C-alpha atoms as a PDB file:
ATOM      1  CA  UNK A   1      87.560 114.300 106.504  1.00  0.00           C
ATOM      2  CA  UNK A   2      88.848 110.718 104.383  1.00  0.00           C
ATOM      3  CA  UNK A   3      91.419 109.318 105.988  1.00  0.00           C
ATOM      4  CA  UNK A   4      93.900 107.240 104.379  1.00  0.00           C
ATOM      5  CA  UNK A   5      96.558 105.244 106.509  1.00  0.00           C
ATOM      6  CA  UNK A   6     100.198 103.991 104.894  1.00  0.00           C
ATOM      7  CA  UNK A   7     100.138 107.329 102.539  1.00  0.00           C
ATOM      8  CA  UNK A   8     104.121 107.024 102.225  1.00  0.00           C
ATOM      9  CA  UNK A   9     103.742 103.352 101.163  1.00  0.00           C
ATOM     10  CA  UNK A  10     103.589 102.069  97.446  1.00  0.00           C
ATOM     11  CA  UNK A  11      99.879 101.402  97.547  1.00  0.00           C
ATOM     12  CA  UNK A  12      98.969 104.079  99.978  1.00  0.00           C
ATOM     13  CA  UNK A  13     100.415 107.054  97.824  1.00  0.00           C
ATOM     14  CA  UNK A  14      98.787 105.876  94.452  1.00  0.00           C
ATOM     15  CA  UNK A  15      95.938 105.865  96.712  1.00  0.00           C
ATOM     16  CA  UNK A  16      95.891 109.604  97.720  1.00  0.00           C
ATOM     17  CA  UNK A  17      97.225 110.680  94.039  1.00  0.00           C
ATOM     18  CA  UNK A  18      93.751 108.852  92.833  1.00  0.00           C
ATOM     19  CA  UNK A  19      91.729 110.462  95.983  1.00  0.00           C
ATOM     20  CA  UNK A  20      92.845 114.229  95.126  1.00  0.00           C
ATOM     21  CA  UNK A  21      91.615 113.936  91.416  1.00  0.00           C
ATOM     22  CA  UNK A  22      87.843 113.363  92.995  1.00  0.00           C
ATOM     23  CA  UNK A  23      88.154 115.906  95.886  1.00  0.00           C
ATOM     24  CA  UNK A  24      89.327 118.721  97.824  1.00  0.00           C
ATOM     25  CA  UNK A  25      92.619 118.368  99.424  1.00  0.00           C
ATOM     26  CA  UNK A  26      91.254 119.814 102.376  1.00  0.00           C
ATOM     27  CA  UNK A  27      89.097 116.784 102.654  1.00  0.00           C
ATOM     28  CA  UNK A  28      91.781 114.495 103.139  1.00  0.00           C
ATOM     29  CA  UNK A  29      94.015 113.549 106.071  1.00  0.00           C
ATOM     30  CA  UNK A  30      96.187 110.304 105.989  1.00  0.00           C
ATOM     31  CA  UNK A  31      97.744 108.868 109.122  1.00  0.00           C
ATOM     32  CA  UNK A  32     101.746 108.261 108.261  1.00  0.00           C
ATOM     33  CA  UNK A  33     104.317 106.763 110.780  1.00  0.00           C
ATOM     34  CA  UNK A  34     106.506 109.812 110.181  1.00  0.00           C
ATOM     35  CA  UNK A  35     104.947 113.085 108.928  1.00  0.00           C
ATOM     36  CA  UNK A  36     108.472 114.101 107.316  1.00  0.00           C
ATOM     37  CA  UNK A  37     107.657 111.549 104.690  1.00  0.00           C
ATOM     38  CA  UNK A  38     104.470 113.315 103.942  1.00  0.00           C
ATOM     39  CA  UNK A  39     106.286 116.841 103.143  1.00  0.00           C
ATOM     40  CA  UNK A  40     104.646 116.925  99.725  1.00  0.00           C
ATOM     41  CA  UNK A  41     101.094 116.332 101.140  1.00  0.00           C
ATOM     42  CA  UNK A  42     101.215 118.619 103.523  1.00  0.00           C
ATOM     43  CA  UNK A  43     102.096 121.563 100.539  1.00  0.00           C
ATOM     44  CA  UNK A  44      99.774 119.685  98.534  1.00  0.00           C
ATOM     45  CA  UNK A  45      96.893 120.583 101.314  1.00  0.00           C
ATOM     46  CA  UNK A  46      96.554 117.349 102.735  1.00  0.00           C
ATOM     47  CA  UNK A  47      96.452 117.065 106.481  1.00  0.00           C
ATOM     48  CA  UNK A  48      99.055 114.950 107.666  1.00  0.00           C
ATOM     49  CA  UNK A  49      99.418 113.047 111.097  1.00  0.00           C
ATOM     50  CA  UNK A  50     101.031 110.561 112.652  1.00  0.00           C
ATOM     51  CA  UNK A  51      99.817 107.407 113.676  1.00  0.00           C
ATOM     52  CA  UNK A  52     101.237 104.126 114.277  1.00  0.00           C
ATOM     53  CA  UNK A  53      98.911 101.042 114.443  1.00  0.00           C
ATOM     54  CA  UNK A  54     101.420  99.704 116.862  1.00  0.00           C
ATOM     55  CA  UNK A  55     100.646 102.313 119.029  1.00  0.00           C
ATOM     56  CA  UNK A  56      97.092 102.604 118.875  1.00  0.00           C
ATOM     57  CA  UNK A  57      96.606 106.012 121.370  1.00  0.00           C
ATOM     58  CA  UNK A  58      98.243 107.640 118.219  1.00  0.00           C
ATOM     59  CA  UNK A  59      95.385 107.006 115.915  1.00  0.00           C
ATOM     60  CA  UNK A  60      92.822 108.961 117.815  1.00  0.00           C
ATOM     61  CA  UNK A  61      94.283 112.181 116.718  1.00  0.00           C
ATOM     62  CA  UNK A  62      95.769 110.755 113.464  1.00  0.00           C
ATOM     63  CA  UNK A  63      91.880 109.711 112.934  1.00  0.00           C
ATOM     64  CA  UNK A  64      90.322 112.884 114.320  1.00  0.00           C
ATOM     65  CA  UNK A  65      87.068 113.631 112.739  1.00  0.00           C
ATOM     66  CA  UNK A  66      86.910 110.663 109.962  1.00  0.00           C
ATOM     67  CA  UNK A  67      84.033 110.781 107.733  1.00  0.00           C
ATOM     68  CA  UNK A  68      85.560 107.301 106.246  1.00  0.00           C
ATOM     69  CA  UNK A  69      88.755 105.657 106.893  1.00  0.00           C
ATOM     70  CA  UNK A  70      90.690 103.563 104.381  1.00  0.00           C
ATOM     71  CA  UNK A  71      92.906 101.279 106.467  1.00  0.00           C
ATOM     72  CA  UNK A  72      95.785  99.918 104.528  1.00  0.00           C
ATOM     73  CA  UNK A  73      96.914  96.527 105.905  1.00  0.00           C
ATOM     74  CA  UNK A  74      99.747  96.741 108.247  1.00  0.00           C
ATOM     75  CA  UNK A  75     103.433  95.998 106.477  1.00  0.00           C
ATOM     76  CA  UNK A  76     104.117  93.413 109.155  1.00  0.00           C
ATOM     77  CA  UNK A  77     104.840  89.900 109.146  1.00  0.00           C
ATOM     78  CA  UNK A  78     104.168  87.418 111.932  1.00  0.00           C
ATOM     79  CA  UNK A  79     101.769  87.722 115.268  1.00  0.00           C
ATOM     80  CA  UNK A  80     101.557  91.246 115.024  1.00  0.00           C
ATOM     81  CA  UNK A  81     100.198  91.903 111.805  1.00  0.00           C
ATOM     82  CA  UNK A  82      96.612  90.940 112.815  1.00  0.00           C
ATOM     83  CA  UNK A  83      96.626  93.015 115.751  1.00  0.00           C
ATOM     84  CA  UNK A  84      97.899  96.332 114.205  1.00  0.00           C
ATOM     85  CA  UNK A  85      95.214  95.752 111.488  1.00  0.00           C
ATOM     86  CA  UNK A  86      92.344  95.418 114.501  1.00  0.00           C
ATOM     87  CA  UNK A  87      93.603  98.451 116.311  1.00  0.00           C
ATOM     88  CA  UNK A  88      93.475 100.398 113.271  1.00  0.00           C
ATOM     89  CA  UNK A  89      89.569  99.154 112.515  1.00  0.00           C
ATOM     90  CA  UNK A  90      88.659  99.975 116.005  1.00  0.00           C
ATOM     91  CA  UNK A  91      90.322 103.517 116.022  1.00  0.00           C
ATOM     92  CA  UNK A  92      88.463 103.844 113.101  1.00  0.00           C
ATOM     93  CA  UNK A  93      84.798 103.181 114.431  1.00  0.00           C
ATOM     94  CA  UNK A  94      85.661 104.806 117.936  1.00  0.00           C
ATOM     95  CA  UNK A  95      86.972 107.999 115.728  1.00  0.00           C
ATOM     96  CA  UNK A  96      83.118 107.862 114.565  1.00  0.00           C
ATOM     97  CA  UNK A  97      83.917 107.141 110.704  1.00  0.00           C
ATOM     98  CA  UNK A  98      80.540 105.723 108.716  1.00  0.00           C
ATOM     99  CA  UNK A  99      82.679 103.463 106.379  1.00  0.00           C
ATOM    100  CA  UNK A 100      86.035 101.572 107.077  1.00  0.00           C
ATOM    101  CA  UNK A 101      87.557 100.161 103.949  1.00  0.00           C
ATOM    102  CA  UNK A 102      90.331  97.680 104.175  1.00  0.00           C
ATOM    103  CA  UNK A 103      92.449  96.988 101.788  1.00  0.00           C
ATOM    104  CA  UNK A 104      92.218  92.623 101.595  1.00  0.00           C
ATOM    105  CA  UNK A 105      93.653  90.073  99.415  1.00  0.00           C
ATOM    106  CA  UNK A 106      91.740  87.923  96.769  1.00  0.00           C
ATOM    107  CA  UNK A 107      93.137  84.834  98.631  1.00  0.00           C
ATOM    108  CA  UNK A 108      91.986  85.501 102.176  1.00  0.00           C
ATOM    109  CA  UNK A 109      91.159  82.353 104.183  1.00  0.00           C
ATOM    110  CA  UNK A 110      92.189  80.900 107.390  1.00  0.00           C
ATOM    111  CA  UNK A 111      93.220  77.922 105.686  1.00  0.00           C
ATOM    112  CA  UNK A 112      95.941  79.594 103.003  1.00  0.00           C
ATOM    113  CA  UNK A 113      99.255  78.072 103.087  1.00  0.00           C
ATOM    114  CA  UNK A 114     100.361  81.661 102.703  1.00  0.00           C
ATOM    115  CA  UNK A 115     100.397  83.634 106.099  1.00  0.00           C
ATOM    116  CA  UNK A 116      99.166  87.029 104.891  1.00  0.00           C
ATOM    117  CA  UNK A 117      95.852  85.154 103.740  1.00  0.00           C
ATOM    118  CA  UNK A 118      95.091  84.137 107.594  1.00  0.00           C
ATOM    119  CA  UNK A 119      95.944  87.783 108.708  1.00  0.00           C
ATOM    120  CA  UNK A 120      93.385  89.115 106.044  1.00  0.00           C
ATOM    121  CA  UNK A 121      90.901  86.825 106.706  1.00  0.00           C
ATOM    122  CA  UNK A 122      90.974  87.692 110.664  1.00  0.00           C
ATOM    123  CA  UNK A 123      90.859  90.901 110.072  1.00  0.00           C
ATOM    124  CA  UNK A 124      87.884  90.899 107.200  1.00  0.00           C
ATOM    125  CA  UNK A 125      85.874  88.399 110.517  1.00  0.00           C
ATOM    126  CA  UNK A 126      86.813  91.734 113.001  1.00  0.00           C
ATOM    127  CA  UNK A 127      86.110  94.113 110.275  1.00  0.00           C
ATOM    128  CA  UNK A 128      82.383  93.065 109.520  1.00  0.00           C
ATOM    129  CA  UNK A 129      81.514  92.961 113.534  1.00  0.00           C
ATOM    130  CA  UNK A 130      82.156  96.543 114.235  1.00  0.00           C
ATOM    131  CA  UNK A 131      78.425  97.491 113.316  1.00  0.00           C
ATOM    132  CA  UNK A 132      79.691 100.083 110.882  1.00  0.00           C
ATOM    133  CA  UNK A 133      79.313 100.114 107.100  1.00  0.00           C
ATOM    134  CA  UNK A 134      82.426  98.765 105.284  1.00  0.00           C
ATOM    135  CA  UNK A 135      84.061  97.254 102.364  1.00  0.00           C
ATOM    136  CA  UNK A 136      86.947  95.004 102.543  1.00  0.00           C
ATOM    137  CA  UNK A 137      88.769  94.994  98.919  1.00  0.00           C
ATOM    138  CA  UNK A 138      89.916  91.708  98.159  1.00  0.00           C
ATOM    139  CA  UNK A 139      93.051  92.910  96.187  1.00  0.00           C
ATOM    140  CA  UNK A 140      94.575  90.906  93.317  1.00  0.00           C
ATOM    141  CA  UNK A 141      98.329  89.891  93.949  1.00  0.00           C
ATOM    142  CA  UNK A 142     100.759  92.798  93.555  1.00  0.00           C
ATOM    143  CA  UNK A 143     102.157  92.455  90.052  1.00  0.00           C
ATOM    144  CA  UNK A 144     105.158  94.402  91.421  1.00  0.00           C
ATOM    145  CA  UNK A 145     106.205  91.381  93.427  1.00  0.00           C
ATOM    146  CA  UNK A 146     107.735  90.481  90.145  1.00  0.00           C
ATOM    147  CA  UNK A 147     110.588  92.854  90.258  1.00  0.00           C
ATOM    148  CA  UNK A 148     112.064  90.546  93.194  1.00  0.00           C
ATOM    149  CA  UNK A 149     112.597  88.237  90.142  1.00  0.00           C
ATOM    150  CA  UNK A 150     113.311  89.617  87.181  1.00  0.00           C
ATOM    151  CA  UNK A 151     116.666  90.826  87.977  1.00  0.00           C
ATOM    152  CA  UNK A 152     118.840  87.749  87.852  1.00  0.00           C
ATOM    153  CA  UNK A 153     116.596  86.209  84.592  1.00  0.00           C
ATOM    154  CA  UNK A 154     117.654  89.319  82.677  1.00  0.00           C
ATOM    155  CA  UNK A 155     121.211  88.537  83.702  1.00  0.00           C
ATOM    156  CA  UNK A 156     121.165  84.905  83.172  1.00  0.00           C
ATOM    157  CA  UNK A 157     118.119  84.529  80.951  1.00  0.00           C
ATOM    158  CA  UNK A 158     116.815  81.924  83.368  1.00  0.00           C
ATOM    159  CA  UNK A 159     113.909  82.808  85.755  1.00  0.00           C
ATOM    160  CA  UNK A 160     114.629  80.209  88.445  1.00  0.00           C
ATOM    161  CA  UNK A 161     112.128  79.956  91.098  1.00  0.00           C
ATOM    162  CA  UNK A 162     109.668  76.921  93.002  1.00  0.00           C
ATOM    163  CA  UNK A 163     107.513  75.148  91.592  1.00  0.00           C
ATOM    164  CA  UNK A 164     104.411  77.778  91.208  1.00  0.00           C
ATOM    165  CA  UNK A 165     100.768  78.060  89.929  1.00  0.00           C
ATOM    166  CA  UNK A 166      98.900  80.532  87.901  1.00  0.00           C
ATOM    167  CA  UNK A 167      98.694  84.167  89.651  1.00  0.00           C
ATOM    168  CA  UNK A 168      96.488  86.929  88.921  1.00  0.00           C
ATOM    169  CA  UNK A 169      99.343  89.563  88.696  1.00  0.00           C
ATOM    170  CA  UNK A 170      97.797  93.075  89.185  1.00  0.00           C
ATOM    171  CA  UNK A 171      98.897  96.497  89.009  1.00  0.00           C
ATOM    172  CA  UNK A 172      98.950  98.736  91.923  1.00  0.00           C
ATOM    173  CA  UNK A 173      97.636 101.968  90.156  1.00  0.00           C
ATOM    174  CA  UNK A 174      94.613 100.151  89.323  1.00  0.00           C
ATOM    175  CA  UNK A 175      93.716  98.851  92.912  1.00  0.00           C
ATOM    176  CA  UNK A 176      94.683 102.377  93.898  1.00  0.00           C
ATOM    177  CA  UNK A 177      92.093 103.612  91.710  1.00  0.00           C
ATOM    178  CA  UNK A 178      89.540 101.207  92.873  1.00  0.00           C
ATOM    179  CA  UNK A 179      90.129 102.027  96.429  1.00  0.00           C
ATOM    180  CA  UNK A 180      89.741 105.539  95.984  1.00  0.00           C
ATOM    181  CA  UNK A 181      86.552 104.847  94.408  1.00  0.00           C
ATOM    182  CA  UNK A 182      85.091 102.747  97.605  1.00  0.00           C
ATOM    183  CA  UNK A 183      86.218 105.616  99.979  1.00  0.00           C
ATOM    184  CA  UNK A 184      84.633 108.488  98.100  1.00  0.00           C
ATOM    185  CA  UNK A 185      81.725 106.271  97.945  1.00  0.00           C
ATOM    186  CA  UNK A 186      81.432 106.503  94.189  1.00  0.00           C
ATOM    187  CA  UNK A 187      80.995 102.699  93.267  1.00  0.00           C
ATOM    188  CA  UNK A 188      79.335  99.617  94.720  1.00  0.00           C
ATOM    189  CA  UNK A 189      82.073  98.248  96.297  1.00  0.00           C
ATOM    190  CA  UNK A 190      80.700  97.217  99.595  1.00  0.00           C
ATOM    191  CA  UNK A 191      81.057  94.184 102.069  1.00  0.00           C
ATOM    192  CA  UNK A 192      83.739  91.343 100.826  1.00  0.00           C
ATOM    193  CA  UNK A 193      84.434  92.269  97.490  1.00  0.00           C
ATOM    194  CA  UNK A 194      84.463  89.914  94.432  1.00  0.00           C
ATOM    195  CA  UNK A 195      88.594  89.584  93.980  1.00  0.00           C
ATOM    196  CA  UNK A 196      89.737  92.539  92.289  1.00  0.00           C
ATOM    197  CA  UNK A 197      92.409  91.358  89.462  1.00  0.00           C
ATOM    198  CA  UNK A 198      93.391  91.765  86.218  1.00  0.00           C
ATOM    199  CA  UNK A 199      92.008  89.941  83.474  1.00  0.00           C
ATOM    200  CA  UNK A 200      94.711  86.723  83.255  1.00  0.00           C
ATOM    201  CA  UNK A 201      96.377  84.843  85.415  1.00  0.00           C
ATOM    202  CA  UNK A 202     100.307  83.666  84.447  1.00  0.00           C
ATOM    203  CA  UNK A 203     102.155  81.137  86.244  1.00  0.00           C
ATOM    204  CA  UNK A 204     106.029  81.964  86.098  1.00  0.00           C
ATOM    205  CA  UNK A 205     106.641  80.141  82.999  1.00  0.00           C
ATOM    206  CA  UNK A 206     103.881  82.484  81.015  1.00  0.00           C
ATOM    207  CA  UNK A 207     105.629  85.514  83.155  1.00  0.00           C
ATOM    208  CA  UNK A 208     108.968  83.960  81.428  1.00  0.00           C
ATOM    209  CA  UNK A 209     107.660  84.280  78.151  1.00  0.00           C
ATOM    210  CA  UNK A 210     106.320  87.803  78.548  1.00  0.00           C
ATOM    211  CA  UNK A 211     109.591  89.246  80.208  1.00  0.00           C
ATOM    212  CA  UNK A 212     111.134  87.634  76.743  1.00  0.00           C
ATOM    213  CA  UNK A 213     108.784  89.407  74.899  1.00  0.00           C
ATOM    214  CA  UNK A 214     109.569  92.595  76.436  1.00  0.00           C
ATOM    215  CA  UNK A 215     113.069  92.435  76.536  1.00  0.00           C
ATOM    216  CA  UNK A 216     114.143  90.812  73.098  1.00  0.00           C
ATOM    217  CA  UNK A 217     115.770  87.984  74.429  1.00  0.00           C
ATOM    218  CA  UNK A 218     115.337  84.434  75.529  1.00  0.00           C
ATOM    219  CA  UNK A 219     114.192  84.083  79.211  1.00  0.00           C
ATOM    220  CA  UNK A 220     114.036  80.379  80.166  1.00  0.00           C
ATOM    221  CA  UNK A 221     111.514  79.037  83.334  1.00  0.00           C
ATOM    222  CA  UNK A 222     113.224  76.421  85.588  1.00  0.00           C
ATOM    223  CA  UNK A 223     112.036  74.703  88.385  1.00  0.00           C
ATOM    224  CA  UNK A 224     114.169  74.918  91.389  1.00  0.00           C
ATOM    225  CA  UNK A 225     113.330  72.163  94.152  1.00  0.00           C
ATOM    226  CA  UNK A 226     112.186  74.169  97.012  1.00  0.00           C
ATOM    227  CA  UNK A 227     114.713  73.080  99.489  1.00  0.00           C
ATOM    228  CA  UNK A 228     117.461  73.853  96.856  1.00  0.00           C
ATOM    229  CA  UNK A 229     116.049  77.406  96.200  1.00  0.00           C
ATOM    230  CA  UNK A 230     116.103  77.919 100.225  1.00  0.00           C
ATOM    231  CA  UNK A 231     119.411  76.994 100.703  1.00  0.00           C
ATOM    232  CA  UNK A 232     120.352  79.173  97.910  1.00  0.00           C
ATOM    233  CA  UNK A 233     117.931  81.759  98.796  1.00  0.00           C
ATOM    234  CA  UNK A 234     119.639  82.195 102.612  1.00  0.00           C
ATOM    235  CA  UNK A 235     123.483  81.526 101.630  1.00  0.00           C
ATOM    236  CA  UNK A 236     122.751  84.616  99.209  1.00  0.00           C
ATOM    237  CA  UNK A 237     121.631  86.585 101.710  1.00  0.00           C
ATOM    238  CA  UNK A 238     118.369  86.352 102.354  1.00  0.00           C
ATOM    239  CA  UNK A 239     116.960  86.065 106.353  1.00  0.00           C
ATOM    240  CA  UNK A 240     115.905  82.478 106.632  1.00  0.00           C
ATOM    241  CA  UNK A 241     112.475  84.153 108.024  1.00  0.00           C
ATOM    242  CA  UNK A 242     111.739  86.136 104.777  1.00  0.00           C
ATOM    243  CA  UNK A 243     112.929  82.780 102.099  1.00  0.00           C
ATOM    244  CA  UNK A 244     110.155  80.657 104.269  1.00  0.00           C
ATOM    245  CA  UNK A 245     107.652  83.202 103.631  1.00  0.00           C
ATOM    246  CA  UNK A 246     108.619  83.377  99.935  1.00  0.00           C
ATOM    247  CA  UNK A 247     108.311  79.603  99.577  1.00  0.00           C
ATOM    248  CA  UNK A 248     104.876  79.816 101.420  1.00  0.00           C
ATOM    249  CA  UNK A 249     103.731  82.095  98.387  1.00  0.00           C
ATOM    250  CA  UNK A 250     104.842  79.487  95.744  1.00  0.00           C
ATOM    251  CA  UNK A 251     103.299  76.656  97.559  1.00  0.00           C
ATOM    252  CA  UNK A 252     100.114  78.611  97.807  1.00  0.00           C
ATOM    253  CA  UNK A 253      99.895  79.560  94.296  1.00  0.00           C
ATOM    254  CA  UNK A 254     100.633  76.092  93.334  1.00  0.00           C
ATOM    255  CA  UNK A 255      97.756  75.149  95.386  1.00  0.00           C
ATOM    256  CA  UNK A 256      95.551  77.317  93.229  1.00  0.00           C
ATOM    257  CA  UNK A 257      94.916  80.112  95.432  1.00  0.00           C
ATOM    258  CA  UNK A 258      96.038  83.042  93.212  1.00  0.00           C
ATOM    259  CA  UNK A 259      94.207  81.820  89.958  1.00  0.00           C
ATOM    260  CA  UNK A 260      91.496  83.197  90.769  1.00  0.00           C
ATOM    261  CA  UNK A 261      89.866  86.530  88.058  1.00  0.00           C
ATOM    262  CA  UNK A 262      87.014  88.476  87.915  1.00  0.00           C
ATOM    263  CA  UNK A 263      85.685  91.377  85.657  1.00  0.00           C
ATOM    264  CA  UNK A 264      84.933  93.598  88.802  1.00  0.00           C
ATOM    265  CA  UNK A 265      88.366  95.662  88.816  1.00  0.00           C
ATOM    266  CA  UNK A 266      87.926  96.726  85.228  1.00  0.00           C
ATOM    267  CA  UNK A 267      84.367  97.537  85.776  1.00  0.00           C
ATOM    268  CA  UNK A 268      84.738  99.417  88.811  1.00  0.00           C
ATOM    269  CA  UNK A 269      87.892 101.516  87.418  1.00  0.00           C
ATOM    270  CA  UNK A 270      86.136 101.793  83.873  1.00  0.00           C
ATOM    271  CA  UNK A 271      89.052 100.779  81.790  1.00  0.00           C
ATOM    272  CA  UNK A 272      91.019  97.077  80.925  1.00  0.00           C
ATOM    273  CA  UNK A 273      93.285  96.374  83.887  1.00  0.00           C
ATOM    274  CA  UNK A 274      97.207  96.630  83.012  1.00  0.00           C
ATOM    275  CA  UNK A 275      98.682  93.764  82.093  1.00  0.00           C
ATOM    276  CA  UNK A 276     101.673  91.607  83.120  1.00  0.00           C
ATOM    277  CA  UNK A 277     103.275  92.852  79.858  1.00  0.00           C
ATOM    278  CA  UNK A 278     102.722  96.726  80.877  1.00  0.00           C
ATOM    279  CA  UNK A 279     103.974  96.122  84.412  1.00  0.00           C
ATOM    280  CA  UNK A 280     107.134  94.190  83.268  1.00  0.00           C
ATOM    281  CA  UNK A 281     108.029  97.090  80.825  1.00  0.00           C
ATOM    282  CA  UNK A 282     108.009  99.148  83.701  1.00  0.00           C
ATOM    283  CA  UNK A 283     109.780  97.656  85.628  1.00  0.00           C
ATOM    284  CA  UNK A 284     112.597  96.567  83.254  1.00  0.00           C
ATOM    285  CA  UNK A 285     112.651 100.314  82.162  1.00  0.00           C
ATOM    286  CA  UNK A 286     113.418 101.816  85.785  1.00  0.00           C
ATOM    287  CA  UNK A 287     116.245  99.264  86.307  1.00  0.00           C
END
């Protein structure tokens, strides 16, 4: 059985959709924190079981009969994230999985300025020590993140954020397809992959230009001082921890951590990756 964790999340749900295009539903199992939220998958013939990375005992049942397991990285901030990912990897190994796939990030590094990348690096190291064939998918930065920033830009015509650097904004849909390919063993995605990215890296000045072309309006990129941005974000209701997390992303981007692009993703999925123009078009239409 092919097991996918986090199957009701944005990436996990897309991975299951792509997987069901490749294999019969009775070969697919999902591990979710709340089975009630996966009723649609049950109706499609997928085995649904509850499993929680922070309660490793639940994963033995969720991963039962696993041939291959895809561990979607835990959506946890802080010290608990690495422990949660390790628990899922360990449970996959203990369940007898012959291959473990993990959704990492292109900037995974113990020296990253962005905390999630340090978590990914630690999880990759743990994964490689398990003595089981494995794949760490070094996903490009999720393009859907842009949705957090375009709302005010559409209202004011100004995209005001801290100084940044180029980011290889990559669509969930493309990464989900690559993950399904890796889980079924249909492609050459083994070990730590090259960066799985769209073809181009854009900074926020370029994003503003694309947003302007998508909407037919003028959108101006304005650089905001880090401290000024932090104060405004917290005053606007963002928790300080979340603001600090976001600011770390900008610091890492201007340090060049997300600037790398690579053709591997397009090679694996067999078509051009979605562009920022396409992603922003969808985001604008969905508002």
